[in-house]
Amino acid sequence: MDAELSALEARRDKTLALKQAMMQELLTGRTRLVTPKTPNA
């Protein structure tokens, strides 16, 4: 059970670090989110 808990905590920490890195890229403008344009029907 301790091993499983450690694995989940490590996964959580890795996910939080990835989220923070992605937010930093968005806030600095290095990455832009663009909504896809839908064709007029």
PDB file of N, CA and C in Angstrom:
ATOM      1  N   MET A   1       0.828  -1.190   0.000  1.00  0.00           N
ATOM      2  CA  MET A   1       0.000   0.000   0.000  1.00  0.00           C
ATOM      3  C   MET A   1       0.879   1.262   0.000  1.00  0.00           C
ATOM      4  N   ASP A   2       1.981   1.236   0.748  1.00  0.00           N
ATOM      5  CA  ASP A   2       2.884   2.393   0.771  1.00  0.00           C
ATOM      6  C   ASP A   2       3.485   2.648  -0.604  1.00  0.00           C
ATOM      7  N   ALA A   3       3.805   1.587  -1.328  1.00  0.00           N
ATOM      8  CA  ALA A   3       4.383   1.735  -2.667  1.00  0.00           C
ATOM      9  C   ALA A   3       3.367   2.367  -3.606  1.00  0.00           C
ATOM     10  N   GLU A   4       2.119   1.953  -3.492  1.00  0.00           N
ATOM     11  CA  GLU A   4       1.067   2.511  -4.347  1.00  0.00           C
ATOM     12  C   GLU A   4       0.857   3.993  -4.029  1.00  0.00           C
ATOM     13  N   LEU A   5       0.867   4.325  -2.762  1.00  0.00           N
ATOM     14  CA  LEU A   5       0.711   5.714  -2.345  1.00  0.00           C
ATOM     15  C   LEU A   5       1.870   6.570  -2.859  1.00  0.00           C
ATOM     16  N   SER A   6       3.077   6.045  -2.767  1.00  0.00           N
ATOM     17  CA  SER A   6       4.243   6.768  -3.268  1.00  0.00           C
ATOM     18  C   SER A   6       4.155   6.982  -4.771  1.00  0.00           C
ATOM     19  N   ALA A   7       3.688   5.971  -5.493  1.00  0.00           N
ATOM     20  CA  ALA A   7       3.549   6.084  -6.942  1.00  0.00           C
ATOM     21  C   ALA A   7       2.502   7.140  -7.298  1.00  0.00           C
ATOM     22  N   LEU A   8       1.397   7.163  -6.572  1.00  0.00           N
ATOM     23  CA  LEU A   8       0.350   8.155  -6.842  1.00  0.00           C
ATOM     24  C   LEU A   8       0.829   9.570  -6.520  1.00  0.00           C
ATOM     25  N   GLU A   9       1.581   9.716  -5.433  1.00  0.00           N
ATOM     26  CA  GLU A   9       2.110  11.022  -5.083  1.00  0.00           C
ATOM     27  C   GLU A   9       3.116  11.509  -6.124  1.00  0.00           C
ATOM     28  N   ALA A  10       3.937  10.613  -6.631  1.00  0.00           N
ATOM     29  CA  ALA A  10       4.910  10.981  -7.651  1.00  0.00           C
ATOM     30  C   ALA A  10       4.190  11.393  -8.933  1.00  0.00           C
ATOM     31  N   ARG A  11       3.136  10.666  -9.278  1.00  0.00           N
ATOM     32  CA  ARG A  11       2.355  11.009 -10.471  1.00  0.00           C
ATOM     33  C   ARG A  11       1.689  12.373 -10.303  1.00  0.00           C
ATOM     34  N   ARG A  12       1.167  12.636  -9.113  1.00  0.00           N
ATOM     35  CA  ARG A  12       0.544  13.926  -8.834  1.00  0.00           C
ATOM     36  C   ARG A  12       1.556  15.060  -8.957  1.00  0.00           C
ATOM     37  N   ASP A  13       2.725  14.863  -8.375  1.00  0.00           N
ATOM     38  CA  ASP A  13       3.759  15.894  -8.432  1.00  0.00           C
ATOM     39  C   ASP A  13       4.186  16.169  -9.871  1.00  0.00           C
ATOM     40  N   LYS A  14       4.324  15.111 -10.655  1.00  0.00           N
ATOM     41  CA  LYS A  14       4.719  15.262 -12.056  1.00  0.00           C
ATOM     42  C   LYS A  14       3.632  16.003 -12.838  1.00  0.00           C
ATOM     43  N   THR A  15       2.377  15.680 -12.572  1.00  0.00           N
ATOM     44  CA  THR A  15       1.262  16.337 -13.254  1.00  0.00           C
ATOM     45  C   THR A  15       1.185  17.812 -12.879  1.00  0.00           C
ATOM     46  N   LEU A  16       1.386  18.131 -11.617  1.00  0.00           N
ATOM     47  CA  LEU A  16       1.367  19.529 -11.185  1.00  0.00           C
ATOM     48  C   LEU A  16       2.504  20.327 -11.830  1.00  0.00           C
ATOM     49  N   ALA A  17       3.680  19.719 -11.935  1.00  0.00           N
ATOM     50  CA  ALA A  17       4.811  20.398 -12.566  1.00  0.00           C
ATOM     51  C   ALA A  17       4.531  20.641 -14.043  1.00  0.00           C
ATOM     52  N   LEU A  18       3.923  19.670 -14.709  1.00  0.00           N
ATOM     53  CA  LEU A  18       3.581  19.820 -16.121  1.00  0.00           C
ATOM     54  C   LEU A  18       2.540  20.914 -16.307  1.00  0.00           C
ATOM     55  N   LYS A  19       1.546  20.949 -15.446  1.00  0.00           N
ATOM     56  CA  LYS A  19       0.514  21.992 -15.523  1.00  0.00           C
ATOM     57  C   LYS A  19       1.123  23.371 -15.341  1.00  0.00           C
ATOM     58  N   GLN A  20       2.017  23.501 -14.363  1.00  0.00           N
ATOM     59  CA  GLN A  20       2.648  24.792 -14.115  1.00  0.00           C
ATOM     60  C   GLN A  20       3.488  25.219 -15.312  1.00  0.00           C
ATOM     61  N   ALA A  21       4.194  24.292 -15.924  1.00  0.00           N
ATOM     62  CA  ALA A  21       5.013  24.616 -17.094  1.00  0.00           C
ATOM     63  C   ALA A  21       4.133  25.051 -18.261  1.00  0.00           C
ATOM     64  N   MET A  22       3.012  24.376 -18.455  1.00  0.00           N
ATOM     65  CA  MET A  22       2.099  24.734 -19.543  1.00  0.00           C
ATOM     66  C   MET A  22       1.478  26.103 -19.306  1.00  0.00           C
ATOM     67  N   MET A  23       1.095  26.396 -18.067  1.00  0.00           N
ATOM     68  CA  MET A  23       0.527  27.699 -17.760  1.00  0.00           C
ATOM     69  C   MET A  23       1.555  28.806 -17.962  1.00  0.00           C
ATOM     70  N   GLN A  24       2.802  28.543 -17.609  1.00  0.00           N
ATOM     71  CA  GLN A  24       3.855  29.531 -17.790  1.00  0.00           C
ATOM     72  C   GLN A  24       4.040  29.840 -19.278  1.00  0.00           C
ATOM     73  N   GLU A  25       3.998  28.805 -20.128  1.00  0.00           N
ATOM     74  CA  GLU A  25       4.130  29.025 -21.562  1.00  0.00           C
ATOM     75  C   GLU A  25       2.958  29.834 -22.110  1.00  0.00           C
ATOM     76  N   LEU A  26       1.764  29.566 -21.615  1.00  0.00           N
ATOM     77  CA  LEU A  26       0.597  30.320 -22.062  1.00  0.00           C
ATOM     78  C   LEU A  26       0.682  31.777 -21.624  1.00  0.00           C
ATOM     79  N   LEU A  27       1.087  32.006 -20.381  1.00  0.00           N
ATOM     80  CA  LEU A  27       1.136  33.364 -19.848  1.00  0.00           C
ATOM     81  C   LEU A  27       2.235  34.204 -20.488  1.00  0.00           C
ATOM     82  N   THR A  28       3.326  33.567 -20.903  1.00  0.00           N
ATOM     83  CA  THR A  28       4.407  34.317 -21.532  1.00  0.00           C
ATOM     84  C   THR A  28       4.170  34.497 -23.028  1.00  0.00           C
ATOM     85  N   GLY A  29       3.176  33.814 -23.569  1.00  0.00           N
ATOM     86  CA  GLY A  29       2.854  33.970 -24.983  1.00  0.00           C
ATOM     87  C   GLY A  29       3.629  33.047 -25.903  1.00  0.00           C
ATOM     88  N   ARG A  30       4.420  32.139 -25.343  1.00  0.00           N
ATOM     89  CA  ARG A  30       5.169  31.211 -26.195  1.00  0.00           C
ATOM     90  C   ARG A  30       4.241  30.212 -26.872  1.00  0.00           C
ATOM     91  N   THR A  31       3.129  29.902 -26.221  1.00  0.00           N
ATOM     92  CA  THR A  31       2.129  28.992 -26.774  1.00  0.00           C
ATOM     93  C   THR A  31       0.814  29.739 -26.861  1.00  0.00           C
ATOM     94  N   ARG A  32       0.126  29.577 -27.980  1.00  0.00           N
ATOM     95  CA  ARG A  32      -1.173  30.235 -28.146  1.00  0.00           C
ATOM     96  C   ARG A  32      -2.237  29.184 -28.391  1.00  0.00           C
ATOM     97  N   LEU A  33      -3.386  29.400 -27.814  1.00  0.00           N
ATOM     98  CA  LEU A  33      -4.524  28.522 -28.062  1.00  0.00           C
ATOM     99  C   LEU A  33      -5.429  29.219 -29.067  1.00  0.00           C
ATOM    100  N   VAL A  34      -5.697  28.548 -30.159  1.00  0.00           N
ATOM    101  CA  VAL A  34      -6.533  29.115 -31.202  1.00  0.00           C
ATOM    102  C   VAL A  34      -7.722  28.194 -31.395  1.00  0.00           C
ATOM    103  N   THR A  35      -8.911  28.779 -31.398  1.00  0.00           N
ATOM    104  CA  THR A  35     -10.094  27.963 -31.622  1.00  0.00           C
ATOM    105  C   THR A  35     -10.232  27.671 -33.122  1.00  0.00           C
ATOM    106  N   PRO A  36     -10.552  26.437 -33.479  1.00  0.00           N
ATOM    107  CA  PRO A  36     -10.686  26.100 -34.895  1.00  0.00           C
ATOM    108  C   PRO A  36     -11.908  26.809 -35.496  1.00  0.00           C
ATOM    109  N   LYS A  37     -11.749  27.272 -36.704  1.00  0.00           N
ATOM    110  CA  LYS A  37     -12.855  27.963 -37.365  1.00  0.00           C
ATOM    111  C   LYS A  37     -13.751  26.926 -38.032  1.00  0.00           C
ATOM    112  N   THR A  38     -15.053  27.094 -37.854  1.00  0.00           N
ATOM    113  CA  THR A  38     -15.987  26.167 -38.483  1.00  0.00           C
ATOM    114  C   THR A  38     -16.415  26.734 -39.830  1.00  0.00           C
ATOM    115  N   PRO A  39     -16.517  25.894 -40.841  1.00  0.00           N
ATOM    116  CA  PRO A  39     -16.928  26.387 -42.149  1.00  0.00           C
ATOM    117  C   PRO A  39     -18.400  26.822 -42.119  1.00  0.00           C
ATOM    118  N   ASN A  40     -18.703  27.865 -42.876  1.00  0.00           N
ATOM    119  CA  ASN A  40     -20.091  28.334 -42.952  1.00  0.00           C
ATOM    120  C   ASN A  40     -20.910  27.369 -43.776  1.00  0.00           C
ATOM    121  N   ALA A  41     -22.053  26.970 -43.238  1.00  0.00           N
ATOM    122  CA  ALA A  41     -22.878  25.982 -43.919  1.00  0.00           C
ATOM    123  C   ALA A  41     -23.919  26.645 -44.800  1.00  0.00           C
TER     124      ALA A  41
END
